[in-house]
Amino acid sequence: MSASTRTLLRVLPISVALALPLVASELFLRSRFGDTPYVPGPRLLAVQSQLALHPDVGFLWRGGIDVSDGVLLPWNDQIVEPLSTDPDGFRNHPRAIAWRSEGRRVNVIGLGDSFVHDAAYRFHELFGQRGLFYYNMAMHRHSPPQYNRILEAYAAPQRPDWVVYGVFENDFREAIDFEQWQASGLDWFSYHSGTWAGPPVSASAWVRWIRRQLPGAYGFTRSLTSASRRRREQGRGEQEIPGNVLAHVLDAAEIARAHGIRLLLVLIPAKTTVLSGSSDDSRLVDRLLVGLDGAGLSILDLRSTFADPARKPESLYYRSDAHWNAEGMRVAGEAILEALAHAPDGEPGRDSDQGFAPDSPRRDALQAPKPSSMADISDSDRPTVKLQGRYSNRTRVSPAGSATARNA
């Protein structure tokens, strides 16, 4: 027997003795802390097929989708219209896209997440009944830092009279997610497990390897770090607002003011808050209001409006989905219109009656013909927009789809 064989025979039992407890520990940790594999469902993948990466805000819709394309994206029990997007990738009523392409002046632009995004058609029609041209630049799964980038790059150049800036209860968490995505150097889909709404992955290739090969150990370590993070957050005091949302809202007001635009902050409650009372997320909205006290912003808090028993709050949402139904959109839209009409004057850059510039083509908008399709709208690719202000891009996606991080 050779020396090397004898050495192997001596080492092998020791290696097995060491490996068995490690393997047993990993199997035990997998049973307790292992990740459930992320498998996106068909509805999420259907939405994914219509999205495009964006270097500054993560993603938008593909630009130039026409209603005649017949793109329908059912989601729970929502009633959906065929998808219609402008060349930049913002979902809008076909008539709104046609009017903007004709150079008509936009009166009100909506920013926010899925609540404002889903109401694009209803708000356009409702505001139009008041002679106002409403245009949507909200996007599902976005949060305040993304709203601000869109405000600076897309909305402000339109010089609307007002920007409606919706903040939802989960914006505090999603703003943190956006900051972490920025730091990762990955494109949005890669960072979110291949889709627009998947769980985030680590920017470190080594950590990603550990997560794949040793999910039990990874999950156990993550549970320890999560508990430590929660303790640190509790120690920071009740007045701190996660995700820098207060700073983002104040920045949005400053951006709007610099362009002579008035901003209405709309606080949007979750269905569970309306039907079941306050939650940790809704209490963050309370903290935000305290932080904004004295900032001089026009604020519409929809919580009391939607919780009013006379309105039958449960009737304002879909039965299984957590978003507004048509009646909820109407209630929200009318509350916003009322707030715009009675907002105090005094914002710079406006010589206005009820906040609207004298040259606003509100009555013309109601008389404009409705196009039968969007065939006359350009289907060109979304132009690359480089932001110039404080929200200049921190991530650039290469033509091949990879991303590199750089400082703003």
Protein backbone atom coordinates (compact mmCIF):
# COMPACT_ATOMS: atom_id res chain seq x y z
CA MET A 1 0.00 0.00 0.00
CA SER A 2 1.46 3.32 -1.06
CA ALA A 3 2.04 6.20 1.32
CA SER A 4 -0.54 8.35 -0.42
CA THR A 5 -3.18 5.64 -0.05
CA ARG A 6 -2.44 5.25 3.65
CA THR A 7 -2.70 9.02 4.09
CA LEU A 8 -6.04 9.05 2.26
CA LEU A 9 -7.40 6.26 4.44
CA ARG A 10 -6.41 8.19 7.57
CA VAL A 11 -7.90 11.49 6.34
CA LEU A 12 -11.12 10.07 4.89
CA PRO A 13 -12.81 9.10 8.20
CA ILE A 14 -11.94 12.48 9.66
CA SER A 15 -13.38 14.27 6.61
CA VAL A 16 -16.57 12.21 6.76
CA ALA A 17 -16.88 12.84 10.50
CA LEU A 18 -16.61 16.59 9.90
CA ALA A 19 -18.84 16.64 6.82
CA LEU A 20 -21.77 14.71 8.26
CA PRO A 21 -22.62 17.28 10.96
CA LEU A 22 -22.26 20.09 8.41
CA VAL A 23 -24.56 18.33 5.94
CA ALA A 24 -27.05 17.55 8.71
CA SER A 25 -26.94 21.18 9.87
CA GLU A 26 -27.54 22.46 6.35
CA LEU A 27 -30.50 20.10 5.86
CA PHE A 28 -31.96 21.19 9.18
CA LEU A 29 -31.47 24.88 8.39
CA ARG A 30 -33.06 24.38 4.98
CA SER A 31 -36.15 22.95 6.65
CA ARG A 32 -36.37 25.96 8.97
CA PHE A 33 -34.93 28.90 7.04
CA GLY A 34 -34.54 27.83 3.41
CA ASP A 35 -35.95 30.09 0.71
CA THR A 36 -39.01 29.03 -1.20
CA PRO A 37 -37.89 29.04 -4.84
CA TYR A 38 -39.17 32.13 -6.66
CA VAL A 39 -41.48 31.03 -9.47
CA PRO A 40 -43.29 33.98 -11.08
CA GLY A 41 -46.87 33.27 -12.06
CA PRO A 42 -48.34 33.62 -15.56
CA ARG A 43 -50.03 36.97 -14.83
CA LEU A 44 -46.80 38.50 -13.60
CA LEU A 45 -44.94 37.12 -16.62
CA ALA A 46 -47.60 38.54 -18.96
CA VAL A 47 -46.94 42.01 -17.50
CA GLN A 48 -43.19 41.35 -17.71
CA SER A 49 -43.45 40.73 -21.47
CA GLN A 50 -44.67 44.29 -22.01
CA LEU A 51 -42.00 46.05 -19.91
CA ALA A 52 -38.66 47.55 -20.86
CA LEU A 53 -35.64 48.35 -18.74
CA HIS A 54 -35.01 52.00 -17.98
CA PRO A 55 -31.59 53.13 -16.69
CA ASP A 56 -32.92 55.76 -14.28
CA VAL A 57 -36.23 54.44 -12.94
CA GLY A 58 -35.71 50.69 -13.40
CA PHE A 59 -38.45 49.95 -15.88
CA LEU A 60 -41.42 51.37 -17.77
CA TRP A 61 -43.89 49.95 -20.26
CA ARG A 62 -42.72 49.36 -23.79
CA GLY A 63 -43.29 52.56 -25.70
CA GLY A 64 -45.92 52.94 -28.41
CA ILE A 65 -48.28 50.08 -27.53
CA ASP A 66 -51.54 50.77 -29.39
CA VAL A 67 -55.00 49.73 -28.26
CA SER A 68 -55.34 47.98 -31.60
CA ASP A 69 -52.57 45.61 -30.46
CA GLY A 70 -55.12 44.12 -28.08
CA VAL A 71 -52.76 43.76 -25.10
CA LEU A 72 -54.92 42.76 -22.12
CA LEU A 73 -53.28 42.03 -18.76
CA PRO A 74 -55.87 40.55 -16.37
CA TRP A 75 -54.99 40.84 -12.69
CA ASN A 76 -57.13 39.21 -10.01
CA ASP A 77 -60.67 40.53 -10.47
CA GLN A 78 -59.68 43.90 -11.92
CA ILE A 79 -61.52 45.22 -14.95
CA VAL A 80 -58.78 46.14 -17.41
CA GLU A 81 -58.68 48.12 -20.63
CA PRO A 82 -56.35 47.30 -23.54
CA LEU A 83 -52.88 48.59 -22.78
CA SER A 84 -52.06 51.90 -24.45
CA THR A 85 -48.68 53.58 -23.95
CA ASP A 86 -47.01 56.70 -25.28
CA PRO A 87 -43.54 56.64 -26.90
CA ASP A 88 -41.94 57.15 -23.46
CA GLY A 89 -43.66 54.11 -21.96
CA PHE A 90 -46.39 55.75 -19.85
CA ARG A 91 -49.85 54.17 -19.86
CA ASN A 92 -52.52 56.63 -20.96
CA HIS A 93 -55.93 56.93 -22.51
CA PRO A 94 -55.46 56.86 -26.32
CA ARG A 95 -57.08 60.27 -26.54
CA ALA A 96 -54.55 61.71 -24.06
CA ILE A 97 -51.66 60.33 -26.10
CA ALA A 98 -53.13 61.79 -29.29
CA TRP A 99 -53.67 65.20 -27.72
CA ARG A 100 -50.14 65.34 -26.35
CA SER A 101 -48.72 64.36 -29.75
CA GLU A 102 -50.69 67.26 -31.24
CA GLY A 103 -48.98 69.64 -28.81
CA ARG A 104 -51.98 70.31 -26.58
CA ARG A 105 -51.09 71.74 -23.22
CA VAL A 106 -51.35 69.33 -20.29
CA ASN A 107 -53.05 70.74 -17.18
CA VAL A 108 -52.50 67.98 -14.64
CA ILE A 109 -49.93 65.15 -14.56
CA GLY A 110 -50.33 62.20 -12.22
CA LEU A 111 -47.35 60.57 -10.49
CA GLY A 112 -47.46 57.59 -8.16
CA ASP A 113 -47.65 53.82 -8.08
CA SER A 114 -50.31 51.33 -9.20
CA PHE A 115 -53.26 53.24 -7.70
CA VAL A 116 -52.61 56.35 -9.79
CA HIS A 117 -51.37 54.26 -12.74
CA ASP A 118 -54.51 52.11 -12.84
CA ALA A 119 -56.74 55.21 -12.74
CA ALA A 120 -55.15 56.72 -15.86
CA TYR A 121 -58.21 56.23 -18.08
CA ARG A 122 -60.78 57.17 -15.42
CA PHE A 123 -58.90 60.28 -14.31
CA HIS A 124 -58.46 61.44 -17.91
CA GLU A 125 -62.20 61.15 -18.51
CA LEU A 126 -63.21 62.62 -15.14
CA PHE A 127 -60.84 65.58 -15.36
CA GLY A 128 -61.93 66.11 -18.96
CA GLN A 129 -65.48 66.63 -17.76
CA ARG A 130 -64.11 69.67 -15.90
CA GLY A 131 -62.27 70.89 -18.99
CA LEU A 132 -58.86 69.70 -17.77
CA PHE A 133 -56.31 67.68 -19.70
CA TYR A 134 -55.03 64.97 -17.35
CA TYR A 135 -51.99 62.90 -18.31
CA ASN A 136 -50.59 59.87 -16.50
CA MET A 137 -46.91 59.39 -15.67
CA ALA A 138 -47.45 57.01 -12.76
CA MET A 139 -46.14 53.43 -12.90
CA HIS A 140 -46.89 50.34 -10.86
CA ARG A 141 -44.17 49.16 -8.44
CA HIS A 142 -42.52 52.61 -8.44
CA SER A 143 -41.81 54.70 -5.33
CA PRO A 144 -40.94 58.35 -4.49
CA PRO A 145 -37.35 58.42 -5.81
CA GLN A 146 -38.68 57.11 -9.13
CA TYR A 147 -41.56 59.61 -9.08
CA ASN A 148 -39.00 62.40 -8.69
CA ARG A 149 -36.90 61.21 -11.61
CA ILE A 150 -39.99 61.10 -13.80
CA LEU A 151 -41.06 64.51 -12.53
CA GLU A 152 -37.71 66.04 -13.43
CA ALA A 153 -37.16 64.31 -16.78
CA TYR A 154 -40.66 63.92 -18.21
CA ALA A 155 -43.33 65.85 -16.31
CA ALA A 156 -41.65 69.20 -15.63
CA PRO A 157 -40.77 69.84 -19.32
CA GLN A 158 -44.52 69.63 -20.10
CA ARG A 159 -45.11 72.65 -17.84
CA PRO A 160 -48.45 71.45 -16.43
CA ASP A 161 -50.37 73.60 -13.97
CA TRP A 162 -50.37 70.84 -11.38
CA VAL A 163 -48.63 67.60 -10.53
CA VAL A 164 -50.65 65.13 -8.47
CA TYR A 165 -48.08 63.22 -6.41
CA GLY A 166 -49.51 60.07 -4.87
CA VAL A 167 -47.81 58.40 -1.89
CA PHE A 168 -49.00 54.93 -0.89
CA GLU A 169 -48.30 53.12 2.37
CA ASN A 170 -45.77 50.67 0.90
CA ASP A 171 -43.72 53.48 -0.65
CA PHE A 172 -41.52 53.58 2.44
CA ARG A 173 -40.33 50.00 1.89
CA GLU A 174 -40.12 50.30 -1.86
CA ALA A 175 -38.02 53.47 -1.64
CA ILE A 176 -35.47 51.45 0.34
CA ASP A 177 -35.60 48.73 -2.31
CA PHE A 178 -34.91 51.34 -5.00
CA GLU A 179 -31.86 52.64 -3.13
CA GLN A 180 -30.53 49.10 -2.76
CA TRP A 181 -31.12 48.45 -6.48
CA GLN A 182 -29.15 51.58 -7.31
CA ALA A 183 -26.21 50.39 -5.22
CA SER A 184 -26.25 46.92 -6.81
CA GLY A 185 -25.02 47.93 -10.28
CA LEU A 186 -27.51 45.45 -11.79
CA ASP A 187 -30.42 46.23 -14.07
CA TRP A 188 -33.84 46.17 -12.42
CA PHE A 189 -34.94 42.78 -13.67
CA SER A 190 -31.67 41.04 -12.81
CA TYR A 191 -31.73 42.53 -9.31
CA HIS A 192 -35.34 41.41 -8.79
CA SER A 193 -34.82 37.74 -9.69
CA GLY A 194 -35.52 38.20 -13.38
CA THR A 195 -38.81 40.11 -13.18
CA TRP A 196 -40.20 43.52 -12.31
CA ALA A 197 -41.51 42.47 -8.90
CA GLY A 198 -39.39 39.54 -7.76
CA PRO A 199 -37.35 39.32 -4.55
CA PRO A 200 -34.03 41.16 -4.69
CA VAL A 201 -30.77 39.32 -5.07
CA SER A 202 -27.39 40.26 -3.66
CA ALA A 203 -25.07 42.37 -5.77
CA SER A 204 -22.26 40.04 -4.68
CA ALA A 205 -21.64 37.01 -6.91
CA TRP A 206 -20.22 35.17 -3.87
CA VAL A 207 -23.38 35.73 -1.83
CA ARG A 208 -25.53 34.65 -4.78
CA TRP A 209 -23.48 31.41 -4.98
CA ILE A 210 -23.99 30.74 -1.27
CA ARG A 211 -27.73 31.37 -1.64
CA ARG A 212 -27.93 28.78 -4.44
CA GLN A 213 -25.67 26.14 -2.90
CA LEU A 214 -26.31 26.57 0.84
CA PRO A 215 -29.84 28.01 1.11
CA GLY A 216 -30.20 26.83 4.71
CA ALA A 217 -27.10 28.62 5.96
CA TYR A 218 -28.00 31.67 3.86
CA GLY A 219 -31.55 31.80 5.26
CA PHE A 220 -30.34 31.40 8.84
CA THR A 221 -27.79 34.19 8.44
CA ARG A 222 -30.40 36.44 6.85
CA SER A 223 -32.82 35.85 9.74
CA LEU A 224 -30.12 36.92 12.21
CA THR A 225 -29.27 40.07 10.24
CA SER A 226 -32.98 40.90 9.81
CA ALA A 227 -33.55 40.67 13.57
CA SER A 228 -30.52 42.88 14.17
CA ARG A 229 -31.79 45.39 11.62
CA ARG A 230 -35.20 45.53 13.28
CA ARG A 231 -33.59 46.23 16.65
CA ARG A 232 -31.51 49.03 15.12
CA GLU A 233 -34.60 50.53 13.50
CA GLN A 234 -36.51 50.40 16.78
CA GLY A 235 -33.60 52.16 18.45
CA ARG A 236 -33.71 55.03 16.00
CA GLY A 237 -36.90 56.38 17.49
CA GLU A 238 -40.46 56.73 16.37
CA GLN A 239 -39.89 59.91 14.40
CA GLU A 240 -37.58 58.52 11.73
CA ILE A 241 -39.22 57.90 8.35
CA PRO A 242 -37.80 54.95 6.36
CA GLY A 243 -36.70 55.26 2.77
CA ASN A 244 -35.99 59.00 2.93
CA VAL A 245 -39.60 59.50 1.80
CA LEU A 246 -39.89 62.84 3.61
CA ALA A 247 -36.80 64.13 1.78
CA HIS A 248 -38.11 62.82 -1.54
CA VAL A 249 -41.46 64.58 -1.09
CA LEU A 250 -39.75 67.86 -0.19
CA ASP A 251 -37.43 67.47 -3.18
CA ALA A 252 -40.44 66.90 -5.44
CA ALA A 253 -42.04 70.10 -4.19
CA GLU A 254 -38.78 71.96 -4.84
CA ILE A 255 -38.48 70.54 -8.38
CA ALA A 256 -42.08 71.50 -9.13
CA ARG A 257 -41.65 74.98 -7.68
CA ALA A 258 -38.49 75.56 -9.72
CA HIS A 259 -40.50 74.88 -12.89
CA GLY A 260 -43.48 77.01 -11.87
CA ILE A 261 -45.65 73.93 -11.24
CA ARG A 262 -47.95 73.43 -8.26
CA LEU A 263 -47.82 70.09 -6.46
CA LEU A 264 -50.63 68.31 -4.65
CA LEU A 265 -49.47 65.51 -2.36
CA VAL A 266 -52.14 62.79 -2.21
CA LEU A 267 -51.87 60.25 0.61
CA ILE A 268 -53.41 56.96 -0.54
CA PRO A 269 -54.53 54.45 2.10
CA ALA A 270 -54.32 50.69 1.72
CA LYS A 271 -57.54 48.70 1.51
CA THR A 272 -56.68 47.02 4.82
CA THR A 273 -56.23 50.41 6.51
CA VAL A 274 -59.61 51.61 5.26
CA LEU A 275 -61.48 48.45 6.25
CA SER A 276 -59.55 47.33 9.34
CA GLY A 277 -57.89 50.39 10.86
CA SER A 278 -54.33 51.64 11.22
CA SER A 279 -51.26 49.51 10.65
CA ASP A 280 -47.50 49.94 10.93
CA ASP A 281 -47.43 51.22 7.34
CA SER A 282 -50.25 53.71 7.86
CA ARG A 283 -48.53 55.03 10.98
CA LEU A 284 -45.55 55.86 8.78
CA VAL A 285 -47.90 58.14 6.84
CA ASP A 286 -48.75 59.84 10.14
CA ARG A 287 -45.04 60.42 10.75
CA LEU A 288 -44.69 61.80 7.24
CA LEU A 289 -47.47 64.31 7.92
CA VAL A 290 -45.72 65.44 11.10
CA GLY A 291 -42.49 65.90 9.15
CA LEU A 292 -44.29 67.96 6.51
CA ASP A 293 -45.92 70.28 9.02
CA GLY A 294 -44.99 73.83 8.12
CA ALA A 295 -43.57 72.88 4.70
CA GLY A 296 -46.35 74.76 2.90
CA LEU A 297 -47.45 71.84 0.72
CA SER A 298 -50.97 71.25 -0.53
CA ILE A 299 -51.90 67.84 0.94
CA LEU A 300 -54.93 65.64 0.37
CA ASP A 301 -55.24 62.76 2.84
CA LEU A 302 -57.67 60.26 1.32
CA ARG A 303 -57.92 58.11 4.45
CA SER A 304 -60.93 59.88 5.90
CA THR A 305 -62.58 60.10 2.48
CA PHE A 306 -62.33 56.35 1.85
CA ALA A 307 -63.14 55.35 5.43
CA ASP A 308 -66.38 57.36 5.49
CA PRO A 309 -69.12 54.81 6.33
CA ALA A 310 -71.58 56.70 4.15
CA ARG A 311 -69.51 55.76 1.12
CA LYS A 312 -69.56 52.03 1.98
CA PRO A 313 -65.75 51.70 1.90
CA GLU A 314 -65.77 48.05 0.85
CA SER A 315 -67.61 49.07 -2.33
CA LEU A 316 -64.66 51.27 -3.43
CA TYR A 317 -62.31 48.32 -3.97
CA TYR A 318 -62.35 45.16 -6.01
CA ARG A 319 -63.61 42.14 -4.08
CA SER A 320 -60.30 40.22 -4.12
CA ASP A 321 -57.85 42.78 -5.47
CA ALA A 322 -56.64 45.53 -3.13
CA HIS A 323 -56.90 48.39 -5.63
CA TRP A 324 -59.67 50.88 -6.36
CA ASN A 325 -62.48 49.77 -8.61
CA ALA A 326 -64.22 52.24 -10.93
CA GLU A 327 -66.18 53.76 -8.04
CA GLY A 328 -63.05 54.12 -5.93
CA MET A 329 -61.28 55.85 -8.82
CA ARG A 330 -64.24 58.22 -9.19
CA VAL A 331 -64.21 59.07 -5.46
CA ALA A 332 -60.44 59.67 -5.52
CA GLY A 333 -60.60 61.71 -8.71
CA GLU A 334 -63.37 63.96 -7.44
CA ALA A 335 -61.54 64.51 -4.15
CA ILE A 336 -58.41 65.49 -6.10
CA LEU A 337 -60.37 67.88 -8.32
CA GLU A 338 -61.94 69.47 -5.24
CA ALA A 339 -58.51 69.88 -3.64
CA LEU A 340 -57.07 71.47 -6.79
CA ALA A 341 -59.98 73.90 -7.05
CA HIS A 342 -59.61 75.07 -3.45
CA ALA A 343 -55.85 74.99 -3.00
CA PRO A 344 -54.43 78.30 -1.79
CA ASP A 345 -52.72 80.46 -4.37
CA GLY A 346 -49.21 81.78 -4.04
CA GLU A 347 -46.96 79.24 -5.72
CA PRO A 348 -44.28 81.00 -7.79
CA GLY A 349 -44.55 81.04 -11.54
CA ARG A 350 -48.36 81.04 -11.65
CA ASP A 351 -50.68 83.90 -12.49
CA SER A 352 -53.73 81.74 -12.04
CA ASP A 353 -57.41 81.34 -11.37
CA GLN A 354 -57.84 78.40 -8.98
CA GLY A 355 -54.29 77.37 -9.73
CA PHE A 356 -54.54 77.11 -13.53
CA ALA A 357 -52.64 79.28 -15.98
CA PRO A 358 -54.80 81.64 -18.08
CA ASP A 359 -53.77 79.90 -21.33
CA SER A 360 -54.84 76.43 -20.16
CA PRO A 361 -56.91 74.92 -23.01
CA ARG A 362 -59.43 73.35 -20.68
CA ARG A 363 -62.54 73.99 -22.79
CA ASP A 364 -60.78 73.06 -26.03
CA ALA A 365 -59.92 69.68 -24.56
CA LEU A 366 -63.57 68.77 -24.13
CA GLN A 367 -64.31 69.57 -27.78
CA ALA A 368 -61.44 67.60 -29.29
CA PRO A 369 -62.38 64.58 -31.43
CA LYS A 370 -61.54 61.17 -30.03
CA PRO A 371 -59.22 59.21 -32.34
CA SER A 372 -60.35 55.74 -33.32
CA SER A 373 -56.89 54.33 -32.75
CA MET A 374 -53.33 55.32 -32.06
CA ALA A 375 -52.12 54.56 -35.55
CA ASP A 376 -50.99 58.17 -35.94
CA ILE A 377 -48.73 57.98 -32.88
CA SER A 378 -45.06 57.27 -33.44
CA ASP A 379 -43.92 53.75 -32.59
CA SER A 380 -40.31 54.81 -32.32
CA ASP A 381 -38.22 53.44 -29.49
CA ARG A 382 -38.27 55.31 -26.23
CA PRO A 383 -35.69 58.11 -26.38
CA THR A 384 -32.83 57.93 -23.92
CA VAL A 385 -33.28 60.64 -21.31
CA LYS A 386 -30.33 61.72 -19.21
CA LEU A 387 -31.43 63.45 -16.05
CA GLN A 388 -29.53 66.58 -15.17
CA GLY A 389 -30.62 67.50 -11.64
CA ARG A 390 -30.30 65.89 -8.22
CA TYR A 391 -32.02 62.80 -9.55
CA SER A 392 -29.50 62.21 -12.33
CA ASN A 393 -29.05 58.53 -13.12
CA ARG A 394 -26.76 56.37 -11.06
CA THR A 395 -27.11 53.26 -13.19
CA ARG A 396 -26.59 52.94 -16.91
CA VAL A 397 -27.74 49.90 -18.83
CA SER A 398 -25.56 48.94 -21.77
CA PRO A 399 -27.07 47.93 -25.14
CA ALA A 400 -26.33 44.33 -24.23
CA GLY A 401 -28.45 44.68 -21.10
CA SER A 402 -25.66 44.68 -18.53
CA ALA A 403 -25.36 47.53 -16.07
CA THR A 404 -22.56 49.45 -14.50
CA ALA A 405 -22.83 51.77 -11.54
CA ARG A 406 -21.45 55.25 -11.45
CA ASN A 407 -21.71 58.18 -9.10
CA ALA A 408 -24.14 60.91 -9.97
